[in-house]
Amino acid sequence: MSDKTLTKADIVDIIYDKTEKNRNEVKKLVESLLRLSKQAIKKDHFLLVSGLGKFEAYDKKARKGRNPQTDATITLPPRKVVVFRLSRKFRAELNGN
């Protein structure tokens, strides 16, 4: 198994190699898909990809933290975070079930 991270450019190259579209068309399609995905998460707070999993955004409240350099107590502001939960089907595939 390779330790190389799959990048957006890699995805474009793989799709380009498997289709008859030109590289620029493939790049635009991949970027459109990613843009739609981000919009769905921002608007609906989740994105479900059947057979893969669900991206879900939620709000984290403000909380106390510590500056490790000065050991001073600070308040971390509220923020949004995104988590990814694998589908049962994909989890089973990963675990060889």
C-alpha atoms as a PDB file:
ATOM      1  CA  MET A   1       0.000   0.000   0.000  1.00  0.00           C
ATOM      2  CA  SER A   2       1.285   3.448  -0.923  1.00  0.00           C
ATOM      3  CA  ASP A   3       1.786   6.205   1.647  1.00  0.00           C
ATOM      4  CA  LYS A   4       1.084   8.855  -1.002  1.00  0.00           C
ATOM      5  CA  THR A   5      -1.877  11.140  -0.368  1.00  0.00           C
ATOM      6  CA  LEU A   6      -4.467  11.257  -3.132  1.00  0.00           C
ATOM      7  CA  THR A   7      -4.743  14.894  -4.240  1.00  0.00           C
ATOM      8  CA  LYS A   8      -7.261  16.760  -6.374  1.00  0.00           C
ATOM      9  CA  ALA A   9      -4.700  16.759  -9.208  1.00  0.00           C
ATOM     10  CA  ASP A  10      -4.379  12.965  -8.866  1.00  0.00           C
ATOM     11  CA  ILE A  11      -8.162  12.592  -9.112  1.00  0.00           C
ATOM     12  CA  VAL A  12      -8.186  14.743 -12.259  1.00  0.00           C
ATOM     13  CA  ASP A  13      -5.380  12.624 -13.767  1.00  0.00           C
ATOM     14  CA  ILE A  14      -7.128   9.322 -12.976  1.00  0.00           C
ATOM     15  CA  ILE A  15     -10.442  10.464 -14.472  1.00  0.00           C
ATOM     16  CA  TYR A  16      -8.649  11.972 -17.476  1.00  0.00           C
ATOM     17  CA  ASP A  17      -6.865   8.656 -18.136  1.00  0.00           C
ATOM     18  CA  LYS A  18     -10.165   6.723 -17.991  1.00  0.00           C
ATOM     19  CA  THR A  19     -12.288   9.061 -20.112  1.00  0.00           C
ATOM     20  CA  GLU A  20     -12.108  10.742 -23.475  1.00  0.00           C
ATOM     21  CA  LYS A  21     -12.616  14.223 -22.051  1.00  0.00           C
ATOM     22  CA  ASN A  22      -9.812  16.763 -22.104  1.00  0.00           C
ATOM     23  CA  ARG A  23      -7.923  17.538 -18.892  1.00  0.00           C
ATOM     24  CA  ASN A  24      -9.469  21.004 -18.543  1.00  0.00           C
ATOM     25  CA  GLU A  25     -13.027  19.580 -18.715  1.00  0.00           C
ATOM     26  CA  VAL A  26     -12.192  16.951 -16.109  1.00  0.00           C
ATOM     27  CA  LYS A  27     -10.642  19.582 -13.827  1.00  0.00           C
ATOM     28  CA  LYS A  28     -13.778  21.741 -14.091  1.00  0.00           C
ATOM     29  CA  LEU A  29     -16.003  18.725 -13.295  1.00  0.00           C
ATOM     30  CA  VAL A  30     -13.951  17.761 -10.226  1.00  0.00           C
ATOM     31  CA  GLU A  31     -13.922  21.367  -8.990  1.00  0.00           C
ATOM     32  CA  SER A  32     -17.699  21.611  -9.523  1.00  0.00           C
ATOM     33  CA  LEU A  33     -18.250  18.438  -7.509  1.00  0.00           C
ATOM     34  CA  LEU A  34     -16.101  19.742  -4.656  1.00  0.00           C
ATOM     35  CA  ARG A  35     -17.812  23.153  -4.742  1.00  0.00           C
ATOM     36  CA  LEU A  36     -21.260  21.483  -4.586  1.00  0.00           C
ATOM     37  CA  SER A  37     -20.081  19.335  -1.682  1.00  0.00           C
ATOM     38  CA  LYS A  38     -18.850  22.351   0.282  1.00  0.00           C
ATOM     39  CA  GLN A  39     -22.076  24.265  -0.414  1.00  0.00           C
ATOM     40  CA  ALA A  40     -24.172  21.334   0.845  1.00  0.00           C
ATOM     41  CA  ILE A  41     -22.191  21.127   4.072  1.00  0.00           C
ATOM     42  CA  LYS A  42     -22.438  24.905   4.617  1.00  0.00           C
ATOM     43  CA  LYS A  43     -26.174  25.037   3.825  1.00  0.00           C
ATOM     44  CA  ASP A  44     -27.552  21.768   5.180  1.00  0.00           C
ATOM     45  CA  HIS A  45     -24.766  20.918   7.655  1.00  0.00           C
ATOM     46  CA  PHE A  46     -24.288  17.482   6.110  1.00  0.00           C
ATOM     47  CA  LEU A  47     -23.421  15.665   2.915  1.00  0.00           C
ATOM     48  CA  LEU A  48     -24.330  12.007   2.451  1.00  0.00           C
ATOM     49  CA  VAL A  49     -22.421   9.967  -0.129  1.00  0.00           C
ATOM     50  CA  SER A  50     -24.045   6.541  -0.352  1.00  0.00           C
ATOM     51  CA  GLY A  51     -21.589   3.711   0.076  1.00  0.00           C
ATOM     52  CA  LEU A  52     -18.900   6.060   1.443  1.00  0.00           C
ATOM     53  CA  GLY A  53     -20.203   7.995   4.418  1.00  0.00           C
ATOM     54  CA  LYS A  54     -21.541  11.254   5.760  1.00  0.00           C
ATOM     55  CA  PHE A  55     -19.828  14.602   6.273  1.00  0.00           C
ATOM     56  CA  GLU A  56     -21.519  16.466   9.098  1.00  0.00           C
ATOM     57  CA  ALA A  57     -20.922  20.024  10.342  1.00  0.00           C
ATOM     58  CA  TYR A  58     -21.767  21.084  13.854  1.00  0.00           C
ATOM     59  CA  ASP A  59     -21.140  24.009  16.184  1.00  0.00           C
ATOM     60  CA  LYS A  60     -18.651  23.759  19.021  1.00  0.00           C
ATOM     61  CA  LYS A  61     -19.230  26.063  21.968  1.00  0.00           C
ATOM     62  CA  ALA A  62     -16.611  28.412  23.348  1.00  0.00           C
ATOM     63  CA  ARG A  63     -14.369  26.654  25.827  1.00  0.00           C
ATOM     64  CA  LYS A  64     -11.407  27.220  28.087  1.00  0.00           C
ATOM     65  CA  GLY A  65      -7.990  26.374  26.764  1.00  0.00           C
ATOM     66  CA  ARG A  66      -4.364  26.865  27.666  1.00  0.00           C
ATOM     67  CA  ASN A  67      -1.510  28.525  25.806  1.00  0.00           C
ATOM     68  CA  PRO A  68       1.225  25.849  25.994  1.00  0.00           C
ATOM     69  CA  GLN A  69       4.032  28.419  25.709  1.00  0.00           C
ATOM     70  CA  THR A  70       2.909  30.699  28.545  1.00  0.00           C
ATOM     71  CA  ASP A  71       0.581  28.325  30.425  1.00  0.00           C
ATOM     72  CA  ALA A  72      -1.975  31.161  30.408  1.00  0.00           C
ATOM     73  CA  THR A  73      -5.677  30.281  30.417  1.00  0.00           C
ATOM     74  CA  ILE A  74      -7.494  31.478  27.292  1.00  0.00           C
ATOM     75  CA  THR A  75     -11.017  31.232  25.947  1.00  0.00           C
ATOM     76  CA  LEU A  76     -11.280  29.480  22.607  1.00  0.00           C
ATOM     77  CA  PRO A  77     -14.051  31.017  20.477  1.00  0.00           C
ATOM     78  CA  PRO A  78     -17.053  29.054  19.207  1.00  0.00           C
ATOM     79  CA  ARG A  79     -16.483  27.451  15.830  1.00  0.00           C
ATOM     80  CA  LYS A  80     -17.861  25.010  13.299  1.00  0.00           C
ATOM     81  CA  VAL A  81     -16.233  21.617  12.809  1.00  0.00           C
ATOM     82  CA  VAL A  82     -16.831  18.901  10.229  1.00  0.00           C
ATOM     83  CA  VAL A  83     -16.674  15.195  11.023  1.00  0.00           C
ATOM     84  CA  PHE A  84     -16.803  12.255   8.645  1.00  0.00           C
ATOM     85  CA  ARG A  85     -18.604   9.052   9.557  1.00  0.00           C
ATOM     86  CA  LEU A  86     -18.045   5.957   7.428  1.00  0.00           C
ATOM     87  CA  SER A  87     -21.038   4.090   6.079  1.00  0.00           C
ATOM     88  CA  ARG A  88     -21.553   0.598   7.501  1.00  0.00           C
ATOM     89  CA  LYS A  89     -20.953  -0.888   4.064  1.00  0.00           C
ATOM     90  CA  PHE A  90     -17.615   0.883   3.567  1.00  0.00           C
ATOM     91  CA  ARG A  91     -16.514   0.152   7.144  1.00  0.00           C
ATOM     92  CA  ALA A  92     -17.164  -3.540   6.470  1.00  0.00           C
ATOM     93  CA  GLU A  93     -15.125  -3.341   3.232  1.00  0.00           C
ATOM     94  CA  LEU A  94     -12.221  -1.704   5.076  1.00  0.00           C
ATOM     95  CA  ASN A  95     -12.273  -4.396   7.735  1.00  0.00           C
ATOM     96  CA  GLY A  96     -12.510  -7.238   5.210  1.00  0.00           C
ATOM     97  CA  ASN A  97     -16.009  -8.359   6.256  1.00  0.00           C
END
